[in-house]
PDB file of N, CA and C in Angstrom:
ATOM      1  N   MET A   1     241.249  44.336  66.558  1.00  0.00           N
ATOM      2  CA  MET A   1     242.340  45.202  66.157  1.00  0.00           C
ATOM      3  C   MET A   1     243.567  44.828  66.990  1.00  0.00           C
ATOM      4  N   ASP A   2     244.692  44.700  66.325  1.00  0.00           N
ATOM      5  CA  ASP A   2     245.897  44.306  67.053  1.00  0.00           C
ATOM      6  C   ASP A   2     246.461  45.486  67.855  1.00  0.00           C
ATOM      7  N   GLN A   3     247.315  45.169  68.813  1.00  0.00           N
ATOM      8  CA  GLN A   3     247.845  46.172  69.745  1.00  0.00           C
ATOM      9  C   GLN A   3     248.673  47.258  69.060  1.00  0.00           C
ATOM     10  N   GLU A   4     249.352  46.903  67.997  1.00  0.00           N
ATOM     11  CA  GLU A   4     250.139  47.898  67.263  1.00  0.00           C
ATOM     12  C   GLU A   4     249.226  48.973  66.670  1.00  0.00           C
ATOM     13  N   LYS A   5     248.109  48.548  66.098  1.00  0.00           N
ATOM     14  CA  LYS A   5     247.143  49.495  65.532  1.00  0.00           C
ATOM     15  C   LYS A   5     246.502  50.334  66.638  1.00  0.00           C
ATOM     16  N   VAL A   6     246.220  49.704  67.749  1.00  0.00           N
ATOM     17  CA  VAL A   6     245.633  50.442  68.876  1.00  0.00           C
ATOM     18  C   VAL A   6     246.587  51.536  69.336  1.00  0.00           C
ATOM     19  N   ARG A   7     247.871  51.224  69.446  1.00  0.00           N
ATOM     20  CA  ARG A   7     248.869  52.234  69.835  1.00  0.00           C
ATOM     21  C   ARG A   7     248.945  53.348  68.793  1.00  0.00           C
ATOM     22  N   TYR A   8     248.903  52.953  67.524  1.00  0.00           N
ATOM     23  CA  TYR A   8     248.955  53.930  66.440  1.00  0.00           C
ATOM     24  C   TYR A   8     247.791  54.915  66.546  1.00  0.00           C
ATOM     25  N   PHE A   9     246.573  54.399  66.692  1.00  0.00           N
ATOM     26  CA  PHE A   9     245.406  55.270  66.770  1.00  0.00           C
ATOM     27  C   PHE A   9     245.388  56.071  68.074  1.00  0.00           C
ATOM     28  N   THR A  10     245.902  55.494  69.142  1.00  0.00           N
ATOM     29  CA  THR A  10     246.002  56.239  70.398  1.00  0.00           C
ATOM     30  C   THR A  10     246.897  57.459  70.219  1.00  0.00           C
ATOM     31  N   LYS A  11     248.041  57.284  69.579  1.00  0.00           N
ATOM     32  CA  LYS A  11     248.947  58.407  69.332  1.00  0.00           C
ATOM     33  C   LYS A  11     248.285  59.470  68.462  1.00  0.00           C
ATOM     34  N   ARG A  12     247.592  59.037  67.418  1.00  0.00           N
ATOM     35  CA  ARG A  12     246.900  59.988  66.540  1.00  0.00           C
ATOM     36  C   ARG A  12     245.839  60.773  67.297  1.00  0.00           C
ATOM     37  N   LEU A  13     245.075  60.068  68.110  1.00  0.00           N
ATOM     38  CA  LEU A  13     244.013  60.728  68.862  1.00  0.00           C
ATOM     39  C   LEU A  13     244.583  61.693  69.910  1.00  0.00           C
ATOM     40  N   LEU A  14     245.658  61.303  70.569  1.00  0.00           N
ATOM     41  CA  LEU A  14     246.283  62.188  71.551  1.00  0.00           C
ATOM     42  C   LEU A  14     246.863  63.441  70.882  1.00  0.00           C
ATOM     43  N   ALA A  15     247.451  63.279  69.704  1.00  0.00           N
ATOM     44  CA  ALA A  15     247.969  64.428  68.955  1.00  0.00           C
ATOM     45  C   ALA A  15     246.814  65.351  68.555  1.00  0.00           C
ATOM     46  N   GLU A  16     245.705  64.775  68.141  1.00  0.00           N
ATOM     47  CA  GLU A  16     244.522  65.567  67.772  1.00  0.00           C
ATOM     48  C   GLU A  16     243.975  66.297  68.999  1.00  0.00           C
ATOM     49  N   TYR A  17     243.968  65.628  70.124  1.00  0.00           N
ATOM     50  CA  TYR A  17     243.523  66.222  71.386  1.00  0.00           C
ATOM     51  C   TYR A  17     244.364  67.454  71.716  1.00  0.00           C
ATOM     52  N   ASP A  18     245.671  67.312  71.631  1.00  0.00           N
ATOM     53  CA  ASP A  18     246.577  68.441  71.912  1.00  0.00           C
ATOM     54  C   ASP A  18     246.355  69.591  70.934  1.00  0.00           C
ATOM     55  N   ARG A  19     246.183  69.269  69.659  1.00  0.00           N
ATOM     56  CA  ARG A  19     245.962  70.306  68.643  1.00  0.00           C
ATOM     57  C   ARG A  19     244.686  71.089  68.934  1.00  0.00           C
ATOM     58  N   ILE A  20     243.630  70.374  69.259  1.00  0.00           N
ATOM     59  CA  ILE A  20     242.355  71.037  69.530  1.00  0.00           C
ATOM     60  C   ILE A  20     242.453  71.895  70.784  1.00  0.00           C
ATOM     61  N   GLN A  21     243.109  71.390  71.813  1.00  0.00           N
ATOM     62  CA  GLN A  21     243.282  72.170  73.045  1.00  0.00           C
ATOM     63  C   GLN A  21     244.001  73.484  72.758  1.00  0.00           C
ATOM     64  N   GLN A  22     245.038  73.440  71.924  1.00  0.00           N
ATOM     65  CA  GLN A  22     245.761  74.656  71.564  1.00  0.00           C
ATOM     66  C   GLN A  22     244.868  75.619  70.808  1.00  0.00           C
ATOM     67  N   GLU A  23     244.086  75.097  69.870  1.00  0.00           N
ATOM     68  CA  GLU A  23     243.168  75.951  69.106  1.00  0.00           C
ATOM     69  C   GLU A  23     242.149  76.604  70.025  1.00  0.00           C
ATOM     70  N   LEU A  24     241.601  75.831  70.959  1.00  0.00           N
ATOM     71  CA  LEU A  24     240.615  76.388  71.882  1.00  0.00           C
ATOM     72  C   LEU A  24     241.212  77.545  72.680  1.00  0.00           C
ATOM     73  N   GLY A  25     242.439  77.375  73.139  1.00  0.00           N
ATOM     74  CA  GLY A  25     243.104  78.448  73.866  1.00  0.00           C
ATOM     75  C   GLY A  25     243.291  79.692  73.009  1.00  0.00           C
ATOM     76  N   THR A  26     243.637  79.486  71.744  1.00  0.00           N
ATOM     77  CA  THR A  26     243.813  80.604  70.820  1.00  0.00           C
ATOM     78  C   THR A  26     242.497  81.329  70.595  1.00  0.00           C
ATOM     79  N   TYR A  27     241.418  80.575  70.378  1.00  0.00           N
ATOM     80  CA  TYR A  27     240.115  81.193  70.135  1.00  0.00           C
ATOM     81  C   TYR A  27     239.638  81.974  71.362  1.00  0.00           C
ATOM     82  N   GLU A  28     239.843  81.403  72.529  1.00  0.00           N
ATOM     83  CA  GLU A  28     239.435  82.094  73.758  1.00  0.00           C
ATOM     84  C   GLU A  28     240.208  83.397  73.916  1.00  0.00           C
ATOM     85  N   GLN A  29     241.488  83.379  73.581  1.00  0.00           N
ATOM     86  CA  GLN A  29     242.294  84.595  73.656  1.00  0.00           C
ATOM     87  C   GLN A  29     241.802  85.631  72.643  1.00  0.00           C
ATOM     88  N   GLU A  30     241.430  85.179  71.455  1.00  0.00           N
ATOM     89  CA  GLU A  30     240.927  86.093  70.433  1.00  0.00           C
ATOM     90  C   GLU A  30     239.638  86.776  70.886  1.00  0.00           C
ATOM     91  N   ILE A  31     238.756  86.011  71.520  1.00  0.00           N
ATOM     92  CA  ILE A  31     237.514  86.609  72.025  1.00  0.00           C
ATOM     93  C   ILE A  31     237.830  87.611  73.130  1.00  0.00           C
ATOM     94  N   THR A  32     238.768  87.277  74.000  1.00  0.00           N
ATOM     95  CA  THR A  32     239.179  88.213  75.050  1.00  0.00           C
ATOM     96  C   THR A  32     239.708  89.491  74.430  1.00  0.00           C
ATOM     97  N   ASN A  33     240.528  89.358  73.395  1.00  0.00           N
ATOM     98  CA  ASN A  33     241.076  90.538  72.718  1.00  0.00           C
ATOM     99  C   ASN A  33     239.977  91.371  72.069  1.00  0.00           C
ATOM    100  N   LEU A  34     238.973  90.714  71.493  1.00  0.00           N
ATOM    101  CA  LEU A  34     237.877  91.444  70.864  1.00  0.00           C
ATOM    102  C   LEU A  34     237.036  92.196  71.896  1.00  0.00           C
ATOM    103  N   ASN A  35     237.030  91.714  73.118  1.00  0.00           N
ATOM    104  CA  ASN A  35     236.288  92.381  74.184  1.00  0.00           C
ATOM    105  C   ASN A  35     237.068  93.534  74.809  1.00  0.00           C
ATOM    106  N   SER A  36     238.316  93.691  74.397  1.00  0.00           N
ATOM    107  CA  SER A  36     239.165  94.751  74.928  1.00  0.00           C
ATOM    108  C   SER A  36     238.608  96.119  74.527  1.00  0.00           C
ATOM    109  N   PRO A  37     238.569  97.071  75.467  1.00  0.00           N
ATOM    110  CA  PRO A  37     238.026  98.396  75.168  1.00  0.00           C
ATOM    111  C   PRO A  37     238.755  99.109  74.023  1.00  0.00           C
ATOM    112  N   SER A  38     240.053  98.913  73.900  1.00  0.00           N
ATOM    113  CA  SER A  38     240.804  99.607  72.855  1.00  0.00           C
ATOM    114  C   SER A  38     240.390  99.150  71.465  1.00  0.00           C
ATOM    115  N   VAL A  39     239.945  97.893  71.339  1.00  0.00           N
ATOM    116  CA  VAL A  39     239.520  97.379  70.049  1.00  0.00           C
ATOM    117  C   VAL A  39     238.258  98.094  69.600  1.00  0.00           C
ATOM    118  N   HIS A  40     237.380  98.392  70.538  1.00  0.00           N
ATOM    119  CA  HIS A  40     236.115  99.033  70.208  1.00  0.00           C
ATOM    120  C   HIS A  40     236.313 100.406  69.578  1.00  0.00           C
ATOM    121  N   GLU A  41     237.392 101.058  69.896  1.00  0.00           N
ATOM    122  CA  GLU A  41     237.658 102.376  69.339  1.00  0.00           C
ATOM    123  C   GLU A  41     237.936 102.311  67.842  1.00  0.00           C
ATOM    124  N   TYR A  42     238.469 101.200  67.368  1.00  0.00           N
ATOM    125  CA  TYR A  42     238.917 101.105  65.988  1.00  0.00           C
ATOM    126  C   TYR A  42     237.988 100.283  65.082  1.00  0.00           C
ATOM    127  N   GLU A  43     237.179  99.489  65.670  1.00  0.00           N
ATOM    128  CA  GLU A  43     236.332  98.596  64.884  1.00  0.00           C
ATOM    129  C   GLU A  43     234.865  98.996  65.034  1.00  0.00           C
ATOM    130  N   GLU A  44     234.120  98.764  63.978  1.00  0.00           N
ATOM    131  CA  GLU A  44     232.683  98.938  64.080  1.00  0.00           C
ATOM    132  C   GLU A  44     232.106  97.829  64.924  1.00  0.00           C
ATOM    133  N   LYS A  45     231.054  98.156  65.641  1.00  0.00           N
ATOM    134  CA  LYS A  45     230.435  97.167  66.521  1.00  0.00           C
ATOM    135  C   LYS A  45     229.941  95.947  65.737  1.00  0.00           C
ATOM    136  N   SER A  46     229.370  96.148  64.566  1.00  0.00           N
ATOM    137  CA  SER A  46     228.858  95.013  63.785  1.00  0.00           C
ATOM    138  C   SER A  46     229.999  94.093  63.349  1.00  0.00           C
ATOM    139  N   THR A  47     231.132  94.666  62.998  1.00  0.00           N
ATOM    140  CA  THR A  47     232.291  93.867  62.600  1.00  0.00           C
ATOM    141  C   THR A  47     232.791  93.042  63.786  1.00  0.00           C
ATOM    142  N   LEU A  48     232.827  93.648  64.956  1.00  0.00           N
ATOM    143  CA  LEU A  48     233.251  92.925  66.155  1.00  0.00           C
ATOM    144  C   LEU A  48     232.304  91.768  66.455  1.00  0.00           C
ATOM    145  N   GLU A  49     231.018  92.012  66.325  1.00  0.00           N
ATOM    146  CA  GLU A  49     230.040  90.955  66.594  1.00  0.00           C
ATOM    147  C   GLU A  49     230.186  89.813  65.586  1.00  0.00           C
ATOM    148  N   GLU A  50     230.436  90.142  64.331  1.00  0.00           N
ATOM    149  CA  GLU A  50     230.646  89.105  63.318  1.00  0.00           C
ATOM    150  C   GLU A  50     231.879  88.273  63.650  1.00  0.00           C
ATOM    151  N   GLN A  51     232.948  88.940  64.064  1.00  0.00           N
ATOM    152  CA  GLN A  51     234.174  88.226  64.420  1.00  0.00           C
ATOM    153  C   GLN A  51     233.939  87.330  65.631  1.00  0.00           C
ATOM    154  N   LYS A  52     233.228  87.844  66.638  1.00  0.00           N
ATOM    155  CA  LYS A  52     232.929  87.046  67.830  1.00  0.00           C
ATOM    156  C   LYS A  52     232.072  85.834  67.465  1.00  0.00           C
ATOM    157  N   GLU A  53     231.085  86.047  66.610  1.00  0.00           N
ATOM    158  CA  GLU A  53     230.208  84.957  66.190  1.00  0.00           C
ATOM    159  C   GLU A  53     230.993  83.879  65.448  1.00  0.00           C
ATOM    160  N   PHE A  54     231.898  84.300  64.566  1.00  0.00           N
ATOM    161  CA  PHE A  54     232.723  83.360  63.820  1.00  0.00           C
ATOM    162  C   PHE A  54     233.609  82.554  64.766  1.00  0.00           C
ATOM    163  N   ILE A  55     234.271  83.226  65.681  1.00  0.00           N
ATOM    164  CA  ILE A  55     235.166  82.539  66.627  1.00  0.00           C
ATOM    165  C   ILE A  55     234.365  81.629  67.550  1.00  0.00           C
ATOM    166  N   THR A  56     233.188  82.066  67.951  1.00  0.00           N
ATOM    167  CA  THR A  56     232.330  81.224  68.790  1.00  0.00           C
ATOM    168  C   THR A  56     231.947  79.947  68.042  1.00  0.00           C
ATOM    169  N   GLY A  57     231.677  80.053  66.751  1.00  0.00           N
ATOM    170  CA  GLY A  57     231.395  78.872  65.937  1.00  0.00           C
ATOM    171  C   GLY A  57     232.573  77.918  65.901  1.00  0.00           C
ATOM    172  N   LEU A  58     233.778  78.478  65.770  1.00  0.00           N
ATOM    173  CA  LEU A  58     234.985  77.644  65.792  1.00  0.00           C
ATOM    174  C   LEU A  58     235.152  76.960  67.143  1.00  0.00           C
ATOM    175  N   LEU A  59     234.879  77.704  68.213  1.00  0.00           N
ATOM    176  CA  LEU A  59     234.954  77.128  69.557  1.00  0.00           C
ATOM    177  C   LEU A  59     233.983  75.962  69.699  1.00  0.00           C
ATOM    178  N   GLN A  60     232.769  76.147  69.221  1.00  0.00           N
ATOM    179  CA  GLN A  60     231.748  75.094  69.304  1.00  0.00           C
ATOM    180  C   GLN A  60     232.199  73.855  68.528  1.00  0.00           C
ATOM    181  N   HIS A  61     232.689  74.070  67.322  1.00  0.00           N
ATOM    182  CA  HIS A  61     233.141  72.954  66.486  1.00  0.00           C
ATOM    183  C   HIS A  61     234.275  72.197  67.166  1.00  0.00           C
ATOM    184  N   ASP A  62     235.261  72.933  67.662  1.00  0.00           N
ATOM    185  CA  ASP A  62     236.402  72.277  68.306  1.00  0.00           C
ATOM    186  C   ASP A  62     235.997  71.583  69.601  1.00  0.00           C
ATOM    187  N   THR A  63     235.042  72.142  70.320  1.00  0.00           N
ATOM    188  CA  THR A  63     234.565  71.504  71.548  1.00  0.00           C
ATOM    189  C   THR A  63     233.904  70.168  71.216  1.00  0.00           C
ATOM    190  N   GLU A  64     233.129  70.136  70.134  1.00  0.00           N
ATOM    191  CA  GLU A  64     232.504  68.879  69.700  1.00  0.00           C
ATOM    192  C   GLU A  64     233.569  67.874  69.253  1.00  0.00           C
ATOM    193  N   GLU A  65     234.579  68.358  68.536  1.00  0.00           N
ATOM    194  CA  GLU A  65     235.668  67.467  68.107  1.00  0.00           C
ATOM    195  C   GLU A  65     236.404  66.893  69.311  1.00  0.00           C
ATOM    196  N   LEU A  66     236.653  67.751  70.294  1.00  0.00           N
ATOM    197  CA  LEU A  66     237.358  67.315  71.500  1.00  0.00           C
ATOM    198  C   LEU A  66     236.561  66.230  72.217  1.00  0.00           C
ATOM    199  N   SER A  67     235.265  66.390  72.263  1.00  0.00           N
ATOM    200  CA  SER A  67     234.405  65.387  72.882  1.00  0.00           C
ATOM    201  C   SER A  67     234.491  64.059  72.130  1.00  0.00           C
ATOM    202  N   ALA A  68     234.505  64.114  70.804  1.00  0.00           N
ATOM    203  CA  ALA A  68     234.624  62.897  69.995  1.00  0.00           C
ATOM    204  C   ALA A  68     235.962  62.207  70.227  1.00  0.00           C
ATOM    205  N   VAL A  69     237.022  62.993  70.366  1.00  0.00           N
ATOM    206  CA  VAL A  69     238.348  62.424  70.630  1.00  0.00           C
ATOM    207  C   VAL A  69     238.358  61.758  72.006  1.00  0.00           C
ATOM    208  N   ARG A  70     237.776  62.432  72.997  1.00  0.00           N
ATOM    209  CA  ARG A  70     237.699  61.839  74.343  1.00  0.00           C
ATOM    210  C   ARG A  70     236.927  60.520  74.307  1.00  0.00           C
ATOM    211  N   ASP A  71     235.804  60.516  73.575  1.00  0.00           N
ATOM    212  CA  ASP A  71     235.013  59.284  73.467  1.00  0.00           C
ATOM    213  C   ASP A  71     235.831  58.160  72.832  1.00  0.00           C
ATOM    214  N   ALA A  72     236.569  58.488  71.774  1.00  0.00           N
ATOM    215  CA  ALA A  72     237.393  57.478  71.101  1.00  0.00           C
ATOM    216  C   ALA A  72     238.487  56.958  72.037  1.00  0.00           C
ATOM    217  N   LEU A  73     239.110  57.846  72.786  1.00  0.00           N
ATOM    218  CA  LEU A  73     240.142  57.416  73.739  1.00  0.00           C
ATOM    219  C   LEU A  73     239.539  56.539  74.837  1.00  0.00           C
ATOM    220  N   GLN A  74     238.335  56.869  75.261  1.00  0.00           N
ATOM    221  CA  GLN A  74     237.652  56.045  76.263  1.00  0.00           C
ATOM    222  C   GLN A  74     237.373  54.652  75.704  1.00  0.00           C
ATOM    223  N   LYS A  75     236.995  54.584  74.436  1.00  0.00           N
ATOM    224  CA  LYS A  75     236.755  53.293  73.795  1.00  0.00           C
ATOM    225  C   LYS A  75     238.034  52.472  73.729  1.00  0.00           C
ATOM    226  N   ILE A  76     239.157  53.136  73.483  1.00  0.00           N
ATOM    227  CA  ILE A  76     240.439  52.415  73.479  1.00  0.00           C
ATOM    228  C   ILE A  76     240.671  51.803  74.856  1.00  0.00           C
ATOM    229  N   MET A  77     240.409  52.591  75.893  1.00  0.00           N
ATOM    230  CA  MET A  77     240.601  52.087  77.258  1.00  0.00           C
ATOM    231  C   MET A  77     239.646  50.935  77.572  1.00  0.00           C
ATOM    232  N   ASN A  78     238.436  50.980  77.007  1.00  0.00           N
ATOM    233  CA  ASN A  78     237.432  49.937  77.255  1.00  0.00           C
ATOM    234  C   ASN A  78     237.594  48.721  76.354  1.00  0.00           C
ATOM    235  N   GLY A  79     238.457  48.857  75.330  1.00  0.00           N
ATOM    236  CA  GLY A  79     238.645  47.763  74.383  1.00  0.00           C
ATOM    237  C   GLY A  79     237.560  47.690  73.315  1.00  0.00           C
ATOM    238  N   THR A  80     236.831  48.796  73.115  1.00  0.00           N
ATOM    239  CA  THR A  80     235.752  48.800  72.121  1.00  0.00           C
ATOM    240  C   THR A  80     236.051  49.719  70.939  1.00  0.00           C
ATOM    241  N   TYR A  81     237.260  50.254  70.873  1.00  0.00           N
ATOM    242  CA  TYR A  81     237.605  51.144  69.768  1.00  0.00           C
ATOM    243  C   TYR A  81     237.599  50.365  68.463  1.00  0.00           C
ATOM    244  N   GLY A  82     237.032  50.988  67.429  1.00  0.00           N
ATOM    245  CA  GLY A  82     236.996  50.356  66.114  1.00  0.00           C
ATOM    246  C   GLY A  82     235.818  49.413  65.924  1.00  0.00           C
ATOM    247  N   ILE A  83     234.882  49.429  66.874  1.00  0.00           N
ATOM    248  CA  ILE A  83     233.687  48.593  66.781  1.00  0.00           C
ATOM    249  C   ILE A  83     232.494  49.512  66.519  1.00  0.00           C
ATOM    250  N   CYS A  84     231.713  49.195  65.513  1.00  0.00           N
ATOM    251  CA  CYS A  84     230.541  49.990  65.141  1.00  0.00           C
ATOM    252  C   CYS A  84     229.535  50.003  66.293  1.00  0.00           C
ATOM    253  N   GLU A  85     229.084  51.198  66.654  1.00  0.00           N
ATOM    254  CA  GLU A  85     228.120  51.336  67.745  1.00  0.00           C
ATOM    255  C   GLU A  85     226.732  50.825  67.369  1.00  0.00           C
ATOM    256  N   ARG A  86     226.489  50.672  66.081  1.00  0.00           N
ATOM    257  CA  ARG A  86     225.158  50.259  65.638  1.00  0.00           C
ATOM    258  C   ARG A  86     225.055  48.743  65.459  1.00  0.00           C
ATOM    259  N   CYS A  87     226.002  48.166  64.719  1.00  0.00           N
ATOM    260  CA  CYS A  87     225.895  46.733  64.397  1.00  0.00           C
ATOM    261  C   CYS A  87     226.873  45.860  65.179  1.00  0.00           C
ATOM    262  N   GLY A  88     227.892  46.471  65.780  1.00  0.00           N
ATOM    263  CA  GLY A  88     228.855  45.702  66.553  1.00  0.00           C
ATOM    264  C   GLY A  88     229.963  45.060  65.741  1.00  0.00           C
ATOM    265  N   ASN A  89     229.979  45.309  64.440  1.00  0.00           N
ATOM    266  CA  ASN A  89     231.040  44.784  63.585  1.00  0.00           C
ATOM    267  C   ASN A  89     232.235  45.741  63.587  1.00  0.00           C
ATOM    268  N   PRO A  90     233.391  45.246  63.190  1.00  0.00           N
ATOM    269  CA  PRO A  90     234.564  46.135  63.124  1.00  0.00           C
ATOM    270  C   PRO A  90     234.361  47.248  62.093  1.00  0.00           C
ATOM    271  N   ILE A  91     234.840  48.428  62.435  1.00  0.00           N
ATOM    272  CA  ILE A  91     234.831  49.556  61.498  1.00  0.00           C
ATOM    273  C   ILE A  91     236.022  49.369  60.571  1.00  0.00           C
ATOM    274  N   GLU A  92     235.814  49.622  59.295  1.00  0.00           N
ATOM    275  CA  GLU A  92     236.867  49.463  58.307  1.00  0.00           C
ATOM    276  C   GLU A  92     238.078  50.313  58.692  1.00  0.00           C
ATOM    277  N   GLU A  93     239.258  49.715  58.573  1.00  0.00           N
ATOM    278  CA  GLU A  93     240.487  50.417  58.954  1.00  0.00           C
ATOM    279  C   GLU A  93     240.700  51.682  58.125  1.00  0.00           C
ATOM    280  N   GLU A  94     240.334  51.636  56.849  1.00  0.00           N
ATOM    281  CA  GLU A  94     240.477  52.822  55.998  1.00  0.00           C
ATOM    282  C   GLU A  94     239.618  53.965  56.542  1.00  0.00           C
ATOM    283  N   ARG A  95     238.456  53.609  57.066  1.00  0.00           N
ATOM    284  CA  ARG A  95     237.553  54.603  57.643  1.00  0.00           C
ATOM    285  C   ARG A  95     238.154  55.208  58.910  1.00  0.00           C
ATOM    286  N   LEU A  96     238.703  54.357  59.753  1.00  0.00           N
ATOM    287  CA  LEU A  96     239.358  54.847  60.975  1.00  0.00           C
ATOM    288  C   LEU A  96     240.581  55.703  60.635  1.00  0.00           C
ATOM    289  N   GLU A  97     241.264  55.336  59.583  1.00  0.00           N
ATOM    290  CA  GLU A  97     242.434  56.108  59.154  1.00  0.00           C
ATOM    291  C   GLU A  97     241.998  57.512  58.745  1.00  0.00           C
ATOM    292  N   ALA A  98     240.891  57.614  58.033  1.00  0.00           N
ATOM    293  CA  ALA A  98     240.390  58.911  57.570  1.00  0.00           C
ATOM    294  C   ALA A  98     239.747  59.703  58.704  1.00  0.00           C
ATOM    295  N   ILE A  99     238.997  59.006  59.556  1.00  0.00           N
ATOM    296  CA  ILE A  99     238.278  59.655  60.662  1.00  0.00           C
ATOM    297  C   ILE A  99     238.483  58.806  61.916  1.00  0.00           C
ATOM    298  N   PRO A 100     239.547  59.049  62.663  1.00  0.00           N
ATOM    299  CA  PRO A 100     239.841  58.203  63.828  1.00  0.00           C
ATOM    300  C   PRO A 100     238.755  58.206  64.904  1.00  0.00           C
ATOM    301  N   THR A 101     237.859  59.188  64.851  1.00  0.00           N
ATOM    302  CA  THR A 101     236.797  59.269  65.853  1.00  0.00           C
ATOM    303  C   THR A 101     235.473  58.695  65.367  1.00  0.00           C
ATOM    304  N   CYS A 102     235.459  58.063  64.192  1.00  0.00           N
ATOM    305  CA  CYS A 102     234.179  57.580  63.658  1.00  0.00           C
ATOM    306  C   CYS A 102     233.585  56.515  64.574  1.00  0.00           C
ATOM    307  N   ARG A 103     232.255  56.487  64.575  1.00  0.00           N
ATOM    308  CA  ARG A 103     231.521  55.611  65.489  1.00  0.00           C
ATOM    309  C   ARG A 103     230.821  54.468  64.776  1.00  0.00           C
ATOM    310  N   TYR A 104     230.727  54.570  63.444  1.00  0.00           N
ATOM    311  CA  TYR A 104     229.957  53.590  62.693  1.00  0.00           C
ATOM    312  C   TYR A 104     230.759  53.056  61.507  1.00  0.00           C
ATOM    313  N   CYS A 105     230.471  51.819  61.136  1.00  0.00           N
ATOM    314  CA  CYS A 105     231.051  51.262  59.918  1.00  0.00           C
ATOM    315  C   CYS A 105     230.410  51.979  58.724  1.00  0.00           C
ATOM    316  N   LYS A 106     230.969  51.780  57.568  1.00  0.00           N
ATOM    317  CA  LYS A 106     230.493  52.477  56.371  1.00  0.00           C
ATOM    318  C   LYS A 106     229.023  52.162  56.097  1.00  0.00           C
ATOM    319  N   LYS A 107     228.660  50.898  56.170  1.00  0.00           N
ATOM    320  CA  LYS A 107     227.288  50.488  55.873  1.00  0.00           C
ATOM    321  C   LYS A 107     226.294  51.160  56.827  1.00  0.00           C
ATOM    322  N   CYS A 108     226.581  51.120  58.117  1.00  0.00           N
ATOM    323  CA  CYS A 108     225.668  51.718  59.099  1.00  0.00           C
ATOM    324  C   CYS A 108     225.605  53.233  58.946  1.00  0.00           C
ATOM    325  N   LYS A 109     226.720  53.859  58.664  1.00  0.00           N
ATOM    326  CA  LYS A 109     226.736  55.311  58.473  1.00  0.00           C
ATOM    327  C   LYS A 109     225.856  55.693  57.291  1.00  0.00           C
ATOM    328  N   GLU A 110     225.968  54.951  56.188  1.00  0.00           N
ATOM    329  CA  GLU A 110     225.123  55.203  55.019  1.00  0.00           C
ATOM    330  C   GLU A 110     223.656  55.017  55.340  1.00  0.00           C
ATOM    331  N   GLU A 111     223.329  53.975  56.102  1.00  0.00           N
ATOM    332  CA  GLU A 111     221.938  53.730  56.488  1.00  0.00           C
ATOM    333  C   GLU A 111     221.413  54.864  57.371  1.00  0.00           C
ATOM    334  N   LEU A 112     222.223  55.307  58.317  1.00  0.00           N
ATOM    335  CA  LEU A 112     221.828  56.398  59.196  1.00  0.00           C
ATOM    336  C   LEU A 112     221.620  57.695  58.413  1.00  0.00           C
ATOM    337  N   GLU A 113     222.469  57.946  57.428  1.00  0.00           N
ATOM    338  CA  GLU A 113     222.318  59.136  56.602  1.00  0.00           C
ATOM    339  C   GLU A 113     221.026  59.068  55.796  1.00  0.00           C
ATOM    340  N   LYS A 114     220.687  57.890  55.267  1.00  0.00           N
ATOM    341  CA  LYS A 114     219.439  57.724  54.510  1.00  0.00           C
ATOM    342  C   LYS A 114     218.230  57.964  55.411  1.00  0.00           C
ATOM    343  N   GLU A 115     218.353  57.555  56.668  1.00  0.00           N
ATOM    344  CA  GLU A 115     217.265  57.756  57.630  1.00  0.00           C
ATOM    345  C   GLU A 115     217.221  59.196  58.147  1.00  0.00           C
ATOM    346  N   GLY A 116     218.255  59.959  57.817  1.00  0.00           N
ATOM    347  CA  GLY A 116     218.324  61.352  58.271  1.00  0.00           C
ATOM    348  C   GLY A 116     218.753  61.504  59.711  1.00  0.00           C
ATOM    349  N   VAL A 117     219.369  60.461  60.258  1.00  0.00           N
ATOM    350  CA  VAL A 117     219.807  60.476  61.648  1.00  0.00           C
ATOM    351  C   VAL A 117     221.215  61.040  61.792  1.00  0.00           C
ATOM    352  N   ALA A 118     222.087  60.719  60.859  1.00  0.00           N
ATOM    353  CA  ALA A 118     223.489  61.144  60.972  1.00  0.00           C
ATOM    354  C   ALA A 118     223.863  62.064  59.832  1.00  0.00           C
TER     355      ALA A 118
END
């Protein structure tokens, strides 16, 4: 991958990193607000638990995304970004464009899905 593309994907990944960090802060604040005593006066306990569970799911998802972004940025630093972790061939640029954090080329991803691994 040429240096221009590496810079392009680095910028995209850093922007995604910032977006996820902001979302995580928002979700954490929402959970704090749901734990506020005044909220309990107006909401049913089951509704509060459902809201907490939903936000916790979002937190988990974003935490996993953040980890994938960090891994991709580390690969850029190591010079291995855009290389399939399974076969070692370049990952298709269209695939990286759609999912900048992808770890496998299309062929390997399909094989892993058939095996029930990914």
